[in-house]
């Protein structure tokens, strides 16, 4: 079992920056693939980004690539999502996710076994 706790959500102005954190506990290793999803009001959950063993192994959705950066601190079992140049359409509840499968396996389907409770990000125009 893996437990995930997000933090760092809040209100930010369009064009600004925000960093989300997710602390993992339980059956977590440095090889656990971790990532972020988001869900905007009235929309389905959407994949945002994933990271493997190293922060160099990362996968992004087209909507955030070039603006968001995912990275991890394996010593702290924590991942981060650095959000730059945010837009009103980035407004959503952001969920931290994790899966024990290898990064290259997970990103094929973008399916994760474990989910956090979510943190709200609101971008004002």
Protein backbone atom coordinates (compact mmCIF):
# COMPACT_ATOMS: atom_id res chain seq x y z
CA UNK A 1 0.00 0.00 0.00
CA UNK A 2 1.19 3.50 -0.84
CA UNK A 3 -0.11 6.67 0.79
CA UNK A 4 0.17 9.98 -0.97
CA UNK A 5 -0.24 13.44 0.52
CA UNK A 6 -0.34 16.49 -1.72
CA UNK A 7 0.38 20.05 -0.65
CA UNK A 8 1.09 23.43 -2.19
CA UNK A 9 -2.18 24.17 -3.95
CA UNK A 10 -3.74 27.61 -3.86
CA UNK A 11 -4.69 30.68 -5.85
CA UNK A 12 -2.25 32.10 -8.40
CA UNK A 13 -2.53 34.74 -11.09
CA UNK A 14 -2.33 33.88 -14.75
CA UNK A 15 1.31 33.87 -15.84
CA UNK A 16 2.51 33.12 -12.35
CA UNK A 17 4.13 30.05 -10.80
CA UNK A 18 3.23 27.47 -8.22
CA UNK A 19 4.91 24.31 -6.94
CA UNK A 20 2.99 21.28 -5.76
CA UNK A 21 4.51 18.62 -3.52
CA UNK A 22 3.54 15.03 -2.89
CA UNK A 23 4.97 13.03 -0.02
CA UNK A 24 4.73 9.27 -0.36
CA UNK A 25 4.82 6.67 2.39
CA UNK A 26 4.29 2.94 2.72
CA UNK A 27 5.52 0.52 0.07
CA UNK A 28 7.38 3.15 -1.90
CA UNK A 29 10.75 2.75 -3.51
CA UNK A 30 12.82 4.91 -5.79
CA UNK A 31 11.63 2.71 -8.66
CA UNK A 32 7.98 3.52 -8.05
CA UNK A 33 6.61 5.55 -10.93
CA UNK A 34 4.89 8.68 -9.70
CA UNK A 35 3.00 11.48 -11.30
CA UNK A 36 0.16 13.96 -11.40
CA UNK A 37 -3.36 14.03 -12.77
CA UNK A 38 -5.85 16.87 -12.63
CA UNK A 39 -9.59 17.27 -12.86
CA UNK A 40 -11.29 20.51 -13.78
CA UNK A 41 -14.95 21.16 -12.92
CA UNK A 42 -17.23 19.23 -15.23
CA UNK A 43 -14.33 17.46 -16.97
CA UNK A 44 -12.72 14.05 -16.76
CA UNK A 45 -9.46 13.45 -14.95
CA UNK A 46 -6.52 14.30 -17.18
CA UNK A 47 -2.94 13.03 -17.09
CA UNK A 48 -0.44 15.81 -16.40
CA UNK A 49 3.02 14.31 -15.88
CA UNK A 50 4.92 11.28 -14.65
CA UNK A 51 8.44 10.63 -13.43
CA UNK A 52 10.52 7.50 -13.14
CA UNK A 53 13.57 6.57 -11.07
CA UNK A 54 15.36 9.70 -12.16
CA UNK A 55 13.89 13.13 -12.81
CA UNK A 56 15.42 12.79 -16.27
CA UNK A 57 12.76 10.15 -17.03
CA UNK A 58 9.67 12.28 -17.38
CA UNK A 59 6.50 12.26 -19.43
CA UNK A 60 4.17 15.21 -19.95
CA UNK A 61 0.82 15.90 -21.51
CA UNK A 62 0.90 18.24 -24.47
CA UNK A 63 -1.11 20.82 -22.58
CA UNK A 64 1.62 21.37 -19.97
CA UNK A 65 4.87 20.41 -21.70
CA UNK A 66 7.28 23.31 -21.67
CA UNK A 67 5.50 25.01 -18.77
CA UNK A 68 5.44 22.35 -16.03
CA UNK A 69 8.36 20.34 -14.67
CA UNK A 70 8.09 17.19 -12.60
CA UNK A 71 10.99 16.09 -10.43
CA UNK A 72 11.57 13.86 -7.45
CA UNK A 73 13.65 13.63 -4.31
CA UNK A 74 14.14 9.93 -3.62
CA UNK A 75 15.70 10.60 -0.22
CA UNK A 76 12.46 12.25 0.88
CA UNK A 77 10.08 10.02 -1.16
CA UNK A 78 8.63 13.22 -2.52
CA UNK A 79 7.79 14.46 -5.97
CA UNK A 80 7.16 18.01 -7.09
CA UNK A 81 5.33 19.72 -9.91
CA UNK A 82 6.78 23.10 -10.80
CA UNK A 83 4.08 25.01 -12.65
CA UNK A 84 5.24 28.05 -14.61
CA UNK A 85 3.30 30.44 -16.81
CA UNK A 86 0.03 29.06 -15.50
CA UNK A 87 -3.20 29.70 -17.37
CA UNK A 88 -6.84 29.83 -16.23
CA UNK A 89 -7.37 26.47 -17.92
CA UNK A 90 -4.89 24.95 -15.46
CA UNK A 91 -7.50 25.43 -12.74
CA UNK A 92 -8.29 21.99 -11.35
CA UNK A 93 -7.87 19.62 -8.45
CA UNK A 94 -4.43 18.07 -8.81
CA UNK A 95 -3.94 14.47 -7.72
CA UNK A 96 -0.67 12.76 -6.93
CA UNK A 97 -0.45 9.21 -8.27
CA UNK A 98 1.90 6.26 -7.93
CA UNK A 99 2.38 2.80 -9.37
CA UNK A 100 4.97 0.13 -8.57
CA UNK A 101 5.43 -0.74 -12.25
CA UNK A 102 8.41 0.52 -14.20
CA UNK A 103 8.22 3.96 -15.78
CA UNK A 104 8.26 2.75 -19.40
CA UNK A 105 5.39 0.37 -18.62
CA UNK A 106 3.25 2.92 -16.83
CA UNK A 107 3.52 5.68 -19.39
CA UNK A 108 2.18 3.38 -22.11
CA UNK A 109 -1.24 3.35 -20.46
CA UNK A 110 -0.86 6.19 -17.96
CA UNK A 111 -2.70 4.10 -15.39
CA UNK A 112 -1.74 4.36 -11.75
CA UNK A 113 -2.75 2.18 -8.84
CA UNK A 114 -2.53 4.65 -5.96
CA UNK A 115 -4.07 8.10 -5.71
CA UNK A 116 -3.88 10.97 -3.25
CA UNK A 117 -6.81 13.07 -2.06
CA UNK A 118 -6.00 16.03 -4.27
CA UNK A 119 -5.12 19.69 -3.86
CA UNK A 120 -6.95 22.60 -5.47
CA UNK A 121 -5.15 24.94 -7.86
CA UNK A 122 -7.03 28.02 -9.02
CA UNK A 123 -5.65 30.40 -11.64
CA UNK A 124 -7.19 33.84 -11.92
CA UNK A 125 -7.18 35.72 -15.20
